Amino acid sequence: NYKKLLNNQTYEIGVHQIRTQSNDEKLGHPAPEGFHQDGFDFVSIHCLKLHNIVGGVTLLRKSSKEGPCIFEGKILPNTCMIYNDRNFFHYTTPVISKEAELGFRDVIVTTFLRI
């Protein structure tokens, strides 16, 4: 799907529904590759639901995988984070079930790539 956004530029927009699960036997890894960039111009992460978890903290570093974190926080339900993927590296810590039942983090990730 192509849309005209931001100074009349054309972007390819991708929408990805992601559920990261954990239970008493395994952690859920939203970003197993560690700090990274996805290769887009902009990325939006919108949290739909958190259930029975701790962790799932999103971190941003400017210009480098090793630089200091400029943001560290949990994206809560009904909130959204938008960042320039060309300028920032991001990572989300594993989700861990608080109790022995299933835990999960549901997000919608929207990517914007200028074409």
C-alpha atoms as a PDB file:
ATOM      1  CA  ASN A   1       0.000   0.000   0.000  1.00  0.00           C
ATOM      2  CA  TYR A   2       1.459   3.394  -1.004  1.00  0.00           C
ATOM      3  CA  LYS A   3       0.571   6.619   0.737  1.00  0.00           C
ATOM      4  CA  LYS A   4       1.619  10.251   0.369  1.00  0.00           C
ATOM      5  CA  LEU A   5       2.985  11.486   3.693  1.00  0.00           C
ATOM      6  CA  LEU A   6       5.558  13.925   5.038  1.00  0.00           C
ATOM      7  CA  ASN A   7       6.318  16.627   2.492  1.00  0.00           C
ATOM      8  CA  ASN A   8       4.420  14.779  -0.241  1.00  0.00           C
ATOM      9  CA  GLN A   9       6.889  11.844  -0.279  1.00  0.00           C
ATOM     10  CA  THR A  10       5.621   8.386  -1.247  1.00  0.00           C
ATOM     11  CA  TYR A  11       6.048   5.588   1.311  1.00  0.00           C
ATOM     12  CA  GLU A  12       5.484   1.864   1.260  1.00  0.00           C
ATOM     13  CA  ILE A  13       3.685   1.060   4.509  1.00  0.00           C
ATOM     14  CA  GLY A  14       3.840  -2.335   6.209  1.00  0.00           C
ATOM     15  CA  VAL A  15       1.670  -3.389   9.142  1.00  0.00           C
ATOM     16  CA  HIS A  16       2.770  -6.304  11.336  1.00  0.00           C
ATOM     17  CA  GLN A  17       0.819  -7.836  14.223  1.00  0.00           C
ATOM     18  CA  ILE A  18       3.236  -9.378  16.745  1.00  0.00           C
ATOM     19  CA  ARG A  19       2.459 -11.421  19.855  1.00  0.00           C
ATOM     20  CA  THR A  20       5.447 -12.265  22.066  1.00  0.00           C
ATOM     21  CA  GLN A  21       4.556 -15.079  24.496  1.00  0.00           C
ATOM     22  CA  SER A  22       6.144 -16.523  27.601  1.00  0.00           C
ATOM     23  CA  ASN A  23       5.246 -19.141  30.169  1.00  0.00           C
ATOM     24  CA  ASP A  24       6.882 -20.802  33.160  1.00  0.00           C
ATOM     25  CA  GLU A  25       9.170 -22.776  30.797  1.00  0.00           C
ATOM     26  CA  LYS A  26      10.317 -20.122  28.313  1.00  0.00           C
ATOM     27  CA  LEU A  27      10.990 -16.416  27.917  1.00  0.00           C
ATOM     28  CA  GLY A  28       9.482 -14.443  25.063  1.00  0.00           C
ATOM     29  CA  HIS A  29      12.090 -12.630  22.954  1.00  0.00           C
ATOM     30  CA  PRO A  30      10.679  -9.657  21.004  1.00  0.00           C
ATOM     31  CA  ALA A  31      14.139  -8.840  19.581  1.00  0.00           C
ATOM     32  CA  PRO A  32      16.450 -11.883  19.776  1.00  0.00           C
ATOM     33  CA  GLU A  33      19.045 -10.103  17.591  1.00  0.00           C
ATOM     34  CA  GLY A  34      19.712  -7.422  20.239  1.00  0.00           C
ATOM     35  CA  PHE A  35      19.966  -3.735  19.345  1.00  0.00           C
ATOM     36  CA  HIS A  36      19.217  -3.318  15.639  1.00  0.00           C
ATOM     37  CA  GLN A  37      17.698  -1.252  12.860  1.00  0.00           C
ATOM     38  CA  ASP A  38      15.036  -2.663  10.545  1.00  0.00           C
ATOM     39  CA  GLY A  39      16.024  -0.762   7.393  1.00  0.00           C
ATOM     40  CA  PHE A  40      13.029   1.558   7.197  1.00  0.00           C
ATOM     41  CA  ASP A  41      12.694   5.327   7.377  1.00  0.00           C
ATOM     42  CA  PHE A  42      10.226   5.313  10.269  1.00  0.00           C
ATOM     43  CA  VAL A  43       8.799   2.672  12.601  1.00  0.00           C
ATOM     44  CA  SER A  44       5.757   2.904  14.843  1.00  0.00           C
ATOM     45  CA  ILE A  45       5.136   0.460  17.706  1.00  0.00           C
ATOM     46  CA  HIS A  46       1.596   0.517  19.077  1.00  0.00           C
ATOM     47  CA  CYS A  47       0.882  -1.628  22.148  1.00  0.00           C
ATOM     48  CA  LEU A  48      -2.491  -3.350  22.149  1.00  0.00           C
ATOM     49  CA  LYS A  49      -2.267  -5.501  25.286  1.00  0.00           C
ATOM     50  CA  LEU A  50       0.095  -6.715  28.007  1.00  0.00           C
ATOM     51  CA  HIS A  51      -0.970  -9.788  29.982  1.00  0.00           C
ATOM     52  CA  ASN A  52       0.749 -11.456  32.939  1.00  0.00           C
ATOM     53  CA  ILE A  53       4.266 -10.238  32.119  1.00  0.00           C
ATOM     54  CA  VAL A  54       7.215  -8.322  33.407  1.00  0.00           C
ATOM     55  CA  GLY A  55       9.896  -7.094  31.019  1.00  0.00           C
ATOM     56  CA  GLY A  56       9.076  -5.981  27.507  1.00  0.00           C
ATOM     57  CA  VAL A  57      10.974  -2.717  28.033  1.00  0.00           C
ATOM     58  CA  THR A  58      11.835  -0.848  24.827  1.00  0.00           C
ATOM     59  CA  LEU A  59      15.208   0.916  24.557  1.00  0.00           C
ATOM     60  CA  LEU A  60      16.489   3.358  21.913  1.00  0.00           C
ATOM     61  CA  ARG A  61      20.129   4.256  21.215  1.00  0.00           C
ATOM     62  CA  LYS A  62      21.114   7.042  18.859  1.00  0.00           C
ATOM     63  CA  SER A  63      23.441   6.220  15.940  1.00  0.00           C
ATOM     64  CA  SER A  64      25.073   3.114  17.467  1.00  0.00           C
ATOM     65  CA  LYS A  65      24.332  -0.285  19.013  1.00  0.00           C
ATOM     66  CA  GLU A  66      26.688   0.524  21.890  1.00  0.00           C
ATOM     67  CA  GLY A  67      25.777   4.158  22.598  1.00  0.00           C
ATOM     68  CA  PRO A  68      23.911   5.381  25.657  1.00  0.00           C
ATOM     69  CA  CYS A  69      20.158   4.769  25.819  1.00  0.00           C
ATOM     70  CA  ILE A  70      18.148   7.890  25.101  1.00  0.00           C
ATOM     71  CA  PHE A  71      14.855   6.164  25.885  1.00  0.00           C
ATOM     72  CA  GLU A  72      14.010   3.280  28.203  1.00  0.00           C
ATOM     73  CA  GLY A  73      10.408   2.462  28.977  1.00  0.00           C
ATOM     74  CA  LYS A  74       7.495   0.142  28.574  1.00  0.00           C
ATOM     75  CA  ILE A  75       5.090   0.964  25.761  1.00  0.00           C
ATOM     76  CA  LEU A  76       1.774   0.599  27.553  1.00  0.00           C
ATOM     77  CA  PRO A  77      -1.559  -0.474  26.060  1.00  0.00           C
ATOM     78  CA  ASN A  78      -3.169   2.179  23.868  1.00  0.00           C
ATOM     79  CA  THR A  79       0.117   4.064  23.512  1.00  0.00           C
ATOM     80  CA  CYS A  80       2.490   4.296  20.595  1.00  0.00           C
ATOM     81  CA  MET A  81       6.149   5.108  19.930  1.00  0.00           C
ATOM     82  CA  ILE A  82       7.302   6.455  16.543  1.00  0.00           C
ATOM     83  CA  TYR A  83      10.987   6.844  15.701  1.00  0.00           C
ATOM     84  CA  ASN A  84      13.341   7.389  12.784  1.00  0.00           C
ATOM     85  CA  ASP A  85      14.805   3.935  12.086  1.00  0.00           C
ATOM     86  CA  ARG A  86      17.739   5.445  10.148  1.00  0.00           C
ATOM     87  CA  ASN A  87      18.925   7.354  13.249  1.00  0.00           C
ATOM     88  CA  PHE A  88      18.125   4.973  16.110  1.00  0.00           C
ATOM     89  CA  PHE A  89      18.873   1.402  17.130  1.00  0.00           C
ATOM     90  CA  HIS A  90      16.124  -0.294  19.147  1.00  0.00           C
ATOM     91  CA  TYR A  91      15.695  -3.336  21.351  1.00  0.00           C
ATOM     92  CA  THR A  92      12.944  -4.748  23.558  1.00  0.00           C
ATOM     93  CA  THR A  93      13.830  -6.872  26.585  1.00  0.00           C
ATOM     94  CA  PRO A  94      12.372 -10.386  26.944  1.00  0.00           C
ATOM     95  CA  VAL A  95       8.913 -10.830  28.409  1.00  0.00           C
ATOM     96  CA  ILE A  96       8.661 -13.060  31.462  1.00  0.00           C
ATOM     97  CA  SER A  97       5.437 -14.506  32.856  1.00  0.00           C
ATOM     98  CA  LYS A  98       4.614 -13.217  36.341  1.00  0.00           C
ATOM     99  CA  GLU A  99       2.644 -16.359  37.143  1.00  0.00           C
ATOM    100  CA  ALA A 100       2.821 -19.925  35.803  1.00  0.00           C
ATOM    101  CA  GLU A 101       0.254 -19.226  33.093  1.00  0.00           C
ATOM    102  CA  LEU A 102       0.716 -17.782  29.616  1.00  0.00           C
ATOM    103  CA  GLY A 103       1.965 -14.191  29.420  1.00  0.00           C
ATOM    104  CA  PHE A 104       2.070 -12.051  26.280  1.00  0.00           C
ATOM    105  CA  ARG A 105       2.751  -8.663  24.723  1.00  0.00           C
ATOM    106  CA  ASP A 106       0.632  -7.723  21.678  1.00  0.00           C
ATOM    107  CA  VAL A 107       1.866  -4.924  19.418  1.00  0.00           C
ATOM    108  CA  ILE A 108       1.226  -3.590  15.955  1.00  0.00           C
ATOM    109  CA  VAL A 109       4.433  -2.480  14.218  1.00  0.00           C
ATOM    110  CA  THR A 110       3.976  -0.135  11.267  1.00  0.00           C
ATOM    111  CA  THR A 111       6.926   0.468   8.945  1.00  0.00           C
ATOM    112  CA  PHE A 112       7.388   3.364   6.514  1.00  0.00           C
ATOM    113  CA  LEU A 113       9.866   3.064   3.632  1.00  0.00           C
ATOM    114  CA  ARG A 114      10.293   5.984   1.228  1.00  0.00           C
ATOM    115  CA  ILE A 115      10.106   4.855  -2.391  1.00  0.00           C
END
